[in-house]
N, C-alpha and C. Protein backbone atom coordinates (compact mmCIF):
# COMPACT_ATOMS: atom_id res chain seq x y z
N UNK A 1 0.77 -1.17 0.22
CA UNK A 1 0.20 -0.34 -0.19
C UNK A 1 0.72 1.41 0.29
N UNK A 2 0.35 2.44 -0.66
CA UNK A 2 0.88 3.67 -0.63
C UNK A 2 0.62 4.46 -0.04
N UNK A 3 0.86 5.45 0.27
CA UNK A 3 0.31 6.44 0.86
C UNK A 3 1.04 7.63 1.02
N UNK A 4 0.47 9.07 1.12
CA UNK A 4 1.01 10.02 0.62
C UNK A 4 1.11 10.68 2.04
N UNK A 5 2.16 12.05 2.38
CA UNK A 5 2.06 12.29 3.95
C UNK A 5 1.96 13.97 3.69
N UNK A 6 0.89 14.71 4.21
CA UNK A 6 1.23 16.45 3.82
C UNK A 6 0.97 16.92 5.13
N UNK A 7 1.45 18.20 5.03
CA UNK A 7 1.36 19.31 6.00
C UNK A 7 0.02 19.73 6.23
N UNK A 8 -0.24 19.81 7.97
CA UNK A 8 -1.92 20.02 8.19
C UNK A 8 -1.84 21.93 7.91
N UNK A 9 -2.82 21.77 7.44
CA UNK A 9 -3.44 23.86 7.43
C UNK A 9 -4.10 23.98 8.49
N UNK A 10 -4.67 25.16 7.91
CA UNK A 10 -5.61 25.83 9.13
C UNK A 10 -7.45 24.89 8.73
N UNK A 11 -6.86 24.75 7.33
CA UNK A 11 -8.63 24.29 6.83
C UNK A 11 -8.91 22.93 7.79
N UNK A 12 -7.53 22.03 7.97
CA UNK A 12 -7.55 21.14 8.44
C UNK A 12 -8.51 20.73 9.90
N UNK A 13 -7.71 21.56 10.69
CA UNK A 13 -8.65 21.69 11.77
C UNK A 13 -9.78 21.36 12.40
N UNK A 14 -10.80 21.47 12.07
CA UNK A 14 -11.81 21.03 12.02
C UNK A 14 -11.90 18.97 12.54
N UNK A 15 -11.25 18.81 11.18
CA UNK A 15 -11.43 17.45 11.59
C UNK A 15 -9.90 16.81 11.95
N UNK A 16 -9.27 17.49 12.33
CA UNK A 16 -8.22 16.99 13.39
C UNK A 16 -8.69 17.19 15.05
N UNK A 17 -9.57 17.64 15.36
CA UNK A 17 -9.88 18.35 16.43
C UNK A 17 -10.93 16.43 16.67
N UNK A 18 -11.83 16.49 15.25
CA UNK A 18 -12.28 15.28 15.44
C UNK A 18 -11.54 13.83 15.52
N UNK A 19 -10.60 13.68 15.24
CA UNK A 19 -9.85 12.39 14.41
C UNK A 19 -9.00 12.67 16.10
N UNK A 20 -8.53 13.78 16.42
CA UNK A 20 -8.02 13.31 18.22
C UNK A 20 -9.12 13.14 18.99
N UNK A 21 -10.30 13.61 19.32
CA UNK A 21 -11.12 13.33 20.21
C UNK A 21 -11.31 11.46 19.90
N UNK A 22 -11.55 11.44 18.80
CA UNK A 22 -11.64 9.97 18.80
C UNK A 22 -10.90 9.09 19.68
N UNK A 23 -9.45 9.43 18.95
CA UNK A 23 -8.50 8.27 19.22
C UNK A 23 -7.74 8.87 20.67
N UNK A 24 -7.97 10.01 21.17
CA UNK A 24 -7.04 9.98 22.27
C UNK A 24 -8.50 10.41 23.43
N UNK A 25 -9.36 10.71 23.13
CA UNK A 25 -10.61 10.92 24.03
C UNK A 25 -10.80 12.47 24.40
N UNK A 26 -9.82 13.41 23.71
CA UNK A 26 -10.41 15.09 24.27
C UNK A 26 -8.87 15.34 23.07
N UNK A 27 -9.58 16.76 22.73
CA UNK A 27 -8.31 17.29 21.90
C UNK A 27 -7.41 18.27 22.83
N UNK A 28 -7.25 17.70 24.06
CA UNK A 28 -6.22 18.47 25.34
C UNK A 28 -5.83 16.74 25.68
N UNK A 29 -4.37 17.56 25.42
CA UNK A 29 -3.38 16.37 26.63
C UNK A 29 -3.09 17.12 27.59
N UNK A 30 -2.61 16.19 28.53
CA UNK A 30 -1.92 17.09 29.64
C UNK A 30 -0.55 15.56 29.80
N UNK A 31 0.57 16.68 29.87
CA UNK A 31 2.12 16.41 29.80
C UNK A 31 2.86 17.04 30.50
N UNK A 32 3.59 16.54 31.68
CA UNK A 32 4.54 17.39 31.84
C UNK A 32 4.16 18.63 33.20
N UNK A 33 3.06 18.26 33.60
CA UNK A 33 2.12 19.15 34.60
C UNK A 33 1.32 20.26 33.39
N UNK A 34 1.22 20.12 32.04
CA UNK A 34 0.37 21.11 31.72
C UNK A 34 -0.43 20.29 30.66
N UNK A 35 -1.85 21.00 30.06
CA UNK A 35 -2.65 20.82 29.15
C UNK A 35 -1.89 21.43 27.61
N UNK A 36 -1.84 20.77 26.83
CA UNK A 36 -1.88 21.05 25.67
C UNK A 36 -3.32 20.68 24.42
N UNK A 37 -3.38 22.12 23.80
CA UNK A 37 -4.73 21.94 22.57
C UNK A 37 -3.90 21.24 21.19
N UNK A 38 -3.87 19.56 21.51
CA UNK A 38 -3.38 18.90 20.53
C UNK A 38 -3.66 19.28 19.06
N UNK A 39 -5.16 19.25 18.98
CA UNK A 39 -5.41 20.01 17.45
C UNK A 39 -4.66 21.02 16.91
N UNK A 40 -4.33 22.45 17.77
CA UNK A 40 -3.86 23.44 17.11
C UNK A 40 -2.53 23.25 16.68
N UNK A 41 -2.01 22.52 17.21
CA UNK A 41 -0.84 22.32 16.53
C UNK A 41 0.12 22.05 15.43
N UNK A 42 0.88 22.39 15.00
CA UNK A 42 0.98 21.81 13.53
C UNK A 42 1.62 20.26 13.79
N UNK A 43 1.30 19.57 12.32
CA UNK A 43 1.63 18.35 12.30
C UNK A 43 1.73 17.62 10.78
N UNK A 44 1.44 17.04 10.41
CA UNK A 44 1.20 16.02 8.87
C UNK A 44 0.35 14.94 9.30
N UNK A 45 -0.12 14.24 7.93
CA UNK A 45 -1.62 13.37 8.10
C UNK A 45 -1.09 12.53 6.62
N UNK A 46 -1.33 11.84 6.97
CA UNK A 46 -1.25 10.69 5.86
C UNK A 46 -2.38 9.87 5.02
N UNK A 47 -2.75 10.06 3.64
CA UNK A 47 -3.47 9.60 3.26
C UNK A 47 -3.57 8.24 2.35
N UNK A 48 -3.70 7.33 1.77
CA UNK A 48 -3.89 6.68 0.26
C UNK A 48 -4.28 7.44 -0.87
N UNK A 49 -3.50 7.42 -1.48
CA UNK A 49 -3.23 8.36 -3.41
C UNK A 49 -4.76 7.74 -3.82
N UNK A 50 -5.58 8.09 -4.32
CA UNK A 50 -6.97 8.03 -5.21
C UNK A 50 -7.98 7.77 -3.84
N UNK A 51 -7.90 8.27 -2.85
CA UNK A 51 -8.99 7.78 -1.87
C UNK A 51 -9.86 8.92 -2.50
N UNK A 52 -11.12 9.02 -2.41
CA UNK A 52 -12.09 10.14 -3.16
C UNK A 52 -12.30 10.65 -1.75
N UNK A 53 -12.53 9.95 -0.97
CA UNK A 53 -12.76 10.63 0.61
C UNK A 53 -11.76 11.00 1.14
N UNK A 54 -10.25 11.03 0.59
CA UNK A 54 -9.18 11.38 1.40
C UNK A 54 -9.15 11.23 3.23
N UNK A 55 -9.48 9.67 3.64
CA UNK A 55 -9.45 9.76 4.71
C UNK A 55 -8.55 9.49 5.24
N UNK A 56 -7.83 10.53 5.87
CA UNK A 56 -6.47 10.10 7.31
C UNK A 56 -6.38 8.82 7.81
N UNK A 57 -5.43 8.22 7.21
CA UNK A 57 -4.68 6.87 7.70
C UNK A 57 -3.58 7.05 8.90
N UNK A 58 -2.95 8.24 9.37
CA UNK A 58 -1.87 8.88 10.17
C UNK A 58 -2.09 9.89 10.72
N UNK A 59 -1.17 10.45 11.17
CA UNK A 59 -1.66 11.72 11.94
C UNK A 59 -0.75 11.72 13.33
N UNK A 60 0.60 13.07 12.98
CA UNK A 60 1.46 13.74 13.68
C UNK A 60 1.46 14.52 14.43
N UNK A 61 1.17 15.26 15.32
CA UNK A 61 1.61 16.38 15.97
C UNK A 61 2.64 16.62 16.55
N UNK A 62 3.26 18.23 16.58
CA UNK A 62 4.16 18.36 17.47
C UNK A 62 4.41 20.31 17.77
N UNK A 63 5.09 19.70 18.46
CA UNK A 63 5.73 21.40 18.93
C UNK A 63 7.13 21.78 19.26
N UNK A 64 6.76 23.32 18.88
CA UNK A 64 9.08 23.58 18.59
C UNK A 64 8.45 23.75 20.02
N UNK A 65 9.64 23.48 20.94
CA UNK A 65 10.16 24.06 22.35
C UNK A 65 11.59 24.34 22.53
N UNK A 66 12.19 25.59 22.10
CA UNK A 66 14.00 25.89 21.94
C UNK A 66 14.50 25.07 20.82
N UNK A 67 16.03 24.40 21.50
CA UNK A 67 16.30 23.35 20.86
C UNK A 67 15.63 22.41 20.20
N UNK A 68 14.73 21.59 21.34
CA UNK A 68 13.86 20.46 21.02
C UNK A 68 12.59 20.46 19.99
N UNK A 69 12.54 19.52 19.57
CA UNK A 69 10.70 19.53 18.53
C UNK A 69 10.26 18.16 19.54
N UNK A 70 9.48 18.33 19.98
CA UNK A 70 8.53 17.31 20.86
C UNK A 70 7.27 17.28 20.14
N UNK A 71 7.36 15.56 19.89
CA UNK A 71 6.23 14.93 19.45
C UNK A 71 5.01 14.83 20.30
N UNK A 72 4.00 15.10 19.67
CA UNK A 72 2.78 15.17 21.15
C UNK A 72 1.71 13.76 20.82
N UNK A 73 1.97 13.99 19.57
CA UNK A 73 0.82 12.62 19.57
C UNK A 73 1.14 12.29 17.67
N UNK A 74 0.87 10.68 18.01
CA UNK A 74 1.23 9.76 16.86
C UNK A 74 0.41 8.73 16.81
N UNK A 75 -0.34 9.02 15.99
CA UNK A 75 -1.18 8.01 15.47
C UNK A 75 -1.42 6.99 14.04
N UNK A 76 -1.14 6.03 13.94
CA UNK A 76 -1.08 5.34 12.12
C UNK A 76 -2.08 4.11 12.48
N UNK A 77 -3.17 4.32 11.83
CA UNK A 77 -4.30 3.28 11.93
C UNK A 77 -4.20 1.84 10.78
N UNK A 78 -2.84 2.32 10.41
CA UNK A 78 -2.98 0.58 9.45
C UNK A 78 -1.08 0.24 9.93
N UNK A 79 -1.19 0.07 11.11
CA UNK A 79 0.09 -0.55 11.51
C UNK A 79 0.93 -1.43 10.70
N UNK A 80 2.29 -1.57 10.66
CA UNK A 80 3.13 -2.29 9.74
C UNK A 80 3.32 -2.09 8.11
N UNK A 81 2.30 -0.68 7.73
CA UNK A 81 3.31 -0.15 6.60
C UNK A 81 4.23 0.85 6.55
N UNK A 82 4.81 0.88 7.76
CA UNK A 82 5.00 2.75 7.38
C UNK A 82 5.19 3.74 7.75
N UNK A 83 3.78 3.75 7.84
CA UNK A 83 2.91 5.39 8.73
C UNK A 83 3.42 5.80 9.19
N UNK A 84 3.88 5.40 10.54
CA UNK A 84 4.18 6.12 12.01
C UNK A 84 5.14 6.43 11.49
N UNK A 85 6.10 5.99 10.89
CA UNK A 85 8.05 6.12 10.22
C UNK A 85 7.69 6.92 9.90
N UNK A 86 7.28 7.14 8.32
CA UNK A 86 6.96 8.15 7.41
C UNK A 86 6.58 9.94 8.34
N UNK A 87 5.46 9.54 8.99
CA UNK A 87 5.43 10.26 9.63
C UNK A 87 6.61 11.78 11.14
N UNK A 88 6.89 10.35 11.41
CA UNK A 88 8.23 10.77 12.15
C UNK A 88 9.31 11.29 11.35
N UNK A 89 9.25 10.42 10.41
CA UNK A 89 10.43 11.39 9.48
C UNK A 89 10.01 12.99 8.38
N UNK A 90 8.86 13.58 8.54
CA UNK A 90 8.42 14.15 8.25
C UNK A 90 8.47 15.21 9.52
N UNK A 91 8.32 15.41 10.76
CA UNK A 91 8.53 15.87 11.57
C UNK A 91 10.17 15.85 12.21
N UNK A 92 10.52 15.48 11.61
CA UNK A 92 12.17 15.40 11.93
C UNK A 92 12.56 16.58 10.68
N UNK A 93 11.96 16.44 9.42
CA UNK A 93 12.60 17.32 8.69
C UNK A 93 12.24 18.70 9.14
N UNK A 94 10.57 18.60 9.64
CA UNK A 94 9.74 20.25 10.19
C UNK A 94 11.10 20.70 10.81
N UNK A 95 11.18 19.99 12.21
CA UNK A 95 12.40 20.21 13.31
C UNK A 95 14.19 20.39 12.76
N UNK A 96 14.28 20.13 11.85
CA UNK A 96 15.71 20.21 11.39
C UNK A 96 15.57 21.53 10.55
N UNK A 97 14.15 21.91 9.70
CA UNK A 97 14.72 22.84 9.06
C UNK A 97 14.08 24.03 10.06
N UNK A 98 13.57 24.05 11.66
CA UNK A 98 13.56 25.07 12.52
C UNK A 98 14.66 25.45 13.47
N UNK A 99 15.38 24.15 12.91
CA UNK A 99 17.10 24.82 13.42
C UNK A 99 17.41 23.63 14.85
N UNK A 100 16.12 22.89 15.29
CA UNK A 100 15.91 22.46 16.39
C UNK A 100 17.40 20.92 16.51
N UNK A 101 17.64 20.79 17.65
CA UNK A 101 18.92 19.74 17.76
C UNK A 101 18.27 18.01 17.82
N UNK A 102 16.71 18.29 18.43
CA UNK A 102 16.40 16.97 19.36
C UNK A 102 15.25 16.47 19.04
N UNK A 103 14.90 15.60 18.56
CA UNK A 103 13.60 15.05 18.73
C UNK A 103 12.90 14.47 20.17
N UNK A 104 12.22 15.05 20.70
CA UNK A 104 12.04 14.63 21.98
C UNK A 104 10.44 14.04 21.95
N UNK A 105 9.70 13.18 23.01
CA UNK A 105 8.60 12.97 23.32
C UNK A 105 8.32 12.28 24.94
N UNK A 106 7.19 12.35 24.71
CA UNK A 106 6.80 11.31 26.22
C UNK A 106 5.82 10.15 26.13
N UNK A 107 5.91 9.22 27.33
CA UNK A 107 4.55 7.60 26.42
C UNK A 107 4.55 8.21 28.29
N UNK A 108 3.60 6.69 28.85
CA UNK A 108 3.55 6.29 29.95
C UNK A 108 3.89 5.07 29.98
N UNK A 109 4.50 4.43 31.43
CA UNK A 109 4.42 3.25 31.55
C UNK A 109 3.77 2.35 30.62
N UNK A 110 2.65 2.26 30.45
CA UNK A 110 1.71 1.07 29.99
C UNK A 110 1.90 0.98 28.75
N UNK A 111 2.81 1.86 28.43
CA UNK A 111 2.85 1.93 26.40
C UNK A 111 4.04 1.60 25.99
N UNK A 112 3.98 0.09 26.40
CA UNK A 112 4.88 -1.23 25.80
C UNK A 112 5.15 -1.25 24.05
N UNK A 113 3.58 -0.97 23.28
CA UNK A 113 4.23 -0.97 22.07
C UNK A 113 5.06 -0.08 21.91
N UNK A 114 4.33 1.35 22.11
CA UNK A 114 5.03 2.91 21.97
C UNK A 114 6.70 2.57 22.18
N UNK A 115 6.75 2.25 22.76
CA UNK A 115 7.98 2.51 23.77
C UNK A 115 9.36 1.30 22.82
N UNK A 116 8.82 0.29 22.17
CA UNK A 116 9.13 -0.52 20.68
C UNK A 116 9.65 0.24 19.67
N UNK A 117 8.11 0.83 19.40
CA UNK A 117 8.54 1.23 18.51
C UNK A 117 9.56 2.57 18.20
N UNK A 118 9.54 3.25 19.07
CA UNK A 118 10.33 4.84 18.86
C UNK A 118 11.86 4.20 19.31
N UNK A 119 12.31 3.25 19.98
CA UNK A 119 13.40 2.78 20.58
C UNK A 119 14.09 1.99 19.30
N UNK A 120 13.41 1.40 18.30
CA UNK A 120 13.64 0.85 17.01
C UNK A 120 13.77 2.39 16.15
N UNK A 121 13.53 3.35 16.64
CA UNK A 121 13.28 4.27 15.28
C UNK A 121 14.75 5.42 16.33
N UNK A 122 15.63 4.82 17.09
CA UNK A 122 16.51 5.81 17.73
C UNK A 122 16.46 6.05 18.29
N UNK A 123 15.15 6.39 19.17
CA UNK A 123 15.21 6.63 20.45
C UNK A 123 15.64 6.61 21.58
N UNK A 124 16.50 6.74 22.70
CA UNK A 124 16.67 6.25 24.20
C UNK A 124 16.08 6.98 25.00
N UNK A 125 15.78 6.21 26.16
CA UNK A 125 15.67 6.62 27.41
C UNK A 125 16.11 8.25 27.91
N UNK A 126 15.30 8.83 27.94
CA UNK A 126 15.80 9.95 28.65
C UNK A 126 15.26 10.82 29.82
N UNK A 127 14.50 10.20 30.60
CA UNK A 127 13.91 10.22 31.87
C UNK A 127 12.49 9.63 31.88
N UNK A 128 12.75 9.46 33.52
CA UNK A 128 11.32 9.50 33.98
C UNK A 128 11.11 10.11 34.97
N UNK A 129 9.45 9.92 35.22
CA UNK A 129 9.04 11.10 35.97
C UNK A 129 7.65 9.98 36.56
N UNK A 130 8.58 9.29 37.62
CA UNK A 130 7.58 8.61 38.34
C UNK A 130 6.25 9.62 39.01
N UNK A 131 5.29 8.49 38.78
CA UNK A 131 3.74 8.78 39.56
C UNK A 131 3.56 10.65 39.29
N UNK A 132 4.09 10.68 37.83
CA UNK A 132 3.47 11.86 37.14
C UNK A 132 2.08 12.19 36.62
N UNK A 133 1.66 10.92 36.56
CA UNK A 133 0.18 10.69 35.84
C UNK A 133 -0.50 11.52 36.72
N UNK A 134 -0.78 11.18 38.12
CA UNK A 134 -1.20 11.53 39.16
C UNK A 134 -1.90 13.13 38.68
N UNK A 135 -1.12 14.18 38.29
CA UNK A 135 -1.01 15.72 38.34
C UNK A 135 -1.49 15.78 37.23
N UNK A 136 -1.61 14.74 35.91
CA UNK A 136 -1.91 14.75 34.78
C UNK A 136 -3.17 14.84 35.30
N UNK A 137 -3.73 13.87 36.09
CA UNK A 137 -5.49 14.00 36.08
C UNK A 137 -6.00 14.67 36.84
N UNK A 138 -5.48 15.59 37.59
CA UNK A 138 -5.60 17.00 38.08
C UNK A 138 -5.91 17.60 37.02
N UNK A 139 -5.35 18.08 35.96
CA UNK A 139 -5.57 18.57 35.02
C UNK A 139 -6.27 17.85 33.66
N UNK A 140 -6.46 16.94 33.55
CA UNK A 140 -7.60 16.18 32.83
C UNK A 140 -7.71 14.04 33.40
N UNK A 141 -8.94 14.89 34.32
CA UNK A 141 -9.38 13.78 34.99
C UNK A 141 -10.00 12.57 34.80
N UNK A 142 -9.94 12.72 32.68
CA UNK A 142 -10.70 10.99 32.07
C UNK A 142 -9.22 10.59 31.65
N UNK A 143 -8.39 10.68 31.99
CA UNK A 143 -7.30 9.76 32.06
C UNK A 143 -7.45 8.47 32.73
N UNK A 144 -7.34 6.97 32.18
CA UNK A 144 -7.95 6.42 32.94
C UNK A 144 -6.78 6.10 34.10
N UNK A 145 -7.08 5.16 34.91
CA UNK A 145 -6.43 4.67 35.91
C UNK A 145 -5.21 3.10 35.37
N UNK A 146 -6.24 2.70 34.32
CA UNK A 146 -5.65 1.01 34.09
C UNK A 146 -4.68 1.50 32.44
N UNK A 147 -4.17 1.52 31.88
CA UNK A 147 -4.12 0.99 30.34
C UNK A 147 -3.83 0.06 30.26
N UNK A 148 -2.91 -0.36 28.88
CA UNK A 148 -2.45 -1.67 28.27
C UNK A 148 -2.36 -2.43 28.74
N UNK A 149 -2.93 -3.19 28.59
CA UNK A 149 -2.43 -4.93 29.27
C UNK A 149 -2.63 -4.75 30.66
N UNK A 150 -3.42 -4.32 31.41
CA UNK A 150 -4.27 -4.02 32.41
C UNK A 150 -3.40 -3.39 33.67
N UNK A 151 -1.83 -2.46 32.61
CA UNK A 151 -0.89 -1.97 33.47
C UNK A 151 -1.12 -0.97 34.36
N UNK A 152 -1.28 -0.23 35.61
CA UNK A 152 -1.81 0.76 36.04
C UNK A 152 -0.92 1.71 34.97
N UNK A 153 -1.47 2.84 35.16
CA UNK A 153 -0.86 4.29 34.14
C UNK A 153 -0.53 5.05 35.56
N UNK A 154 0.94 5.23 35.22
CA UNK A 154 1.49 5.91 36.63
C UNK A 154 2.50 7.61 36.18
N UNK A 155 3.60 6.71 35.63
CA UNK A 155 4.28 7.84 35.07
C UNK A 155 4.93 8.19 33.67
N UNK A 156 5.74 8.71 33.28
CA UNK A 156 5.69 9.81 32.17
C UNK A 156 7.63 9.35 32.04
N UNK A 157 7.38 8.79 30.73
CA UNK A 157 8.55 8.29 30.29
C UNK A 157 9.23 9.33 29.32
N UNK A 158 10.21 10.31 29.28
CA UNK A 158 11.32 10.59 28.07
C UNK A 158 11.64 10.21 27.22
N UNK A 159 11.65 9.89 25.51
CA UNK A 159 12.64 9.46 24.61
C UNK A 159 12.42 10.63 24.20
N UNK A 160 14.09 10.92 23.71
CA UNK A 160 14.82 11.68 22.77
C UNK A 160 15.56 10.94 21.58
N UNK A 161 16.18 11.71 20.20
CA UNK A 161 16.82 11.08 19.47
C UNK A 161 17.74 12.47 18.79
N UNK A 162 18.74 12.57 18.34
CA UNK A 162 18.83 13.68 17.51
C UNK A 162 18.53 13.49 16.19
N UNK A 163 18.31 14.80 15.61
CA UNK A 163 18.53 14.90 14.43
C UNK A 163 19.54 14.50 13.37
């Protein structure tokens, strides 16, 4: 299967808000003790060429933070086809063009799938914030207590890679 990667534009904001709400529960993300409006961030999306509905099959959002570019969300709706990797590469290109030195992201202790995915793409563990999700739940109470494979969601795990 082939796919195309496109940058998000202002015209995409409405469907991005719906996509993020569907896949993340809300367009708000709590991380590092802060709330972020994910659908307002820059990003890229993937579609299949020739799809008359131009349905999104992958989406990544990011924010520039000094010398770092932080990946805020990444979704691939068809895993194993390289969509997530291609979206990450698009963010790396944008980060490089913006003068960033590193690509960083945060996931939670239960998300073993994400930890495998990012480490296979050159990310290394850069830090752990023990019990950080308690603060995130104060900002966004709908964060569940239990995540993937029945693992309690407690900690934020930072990963980073150079550009």
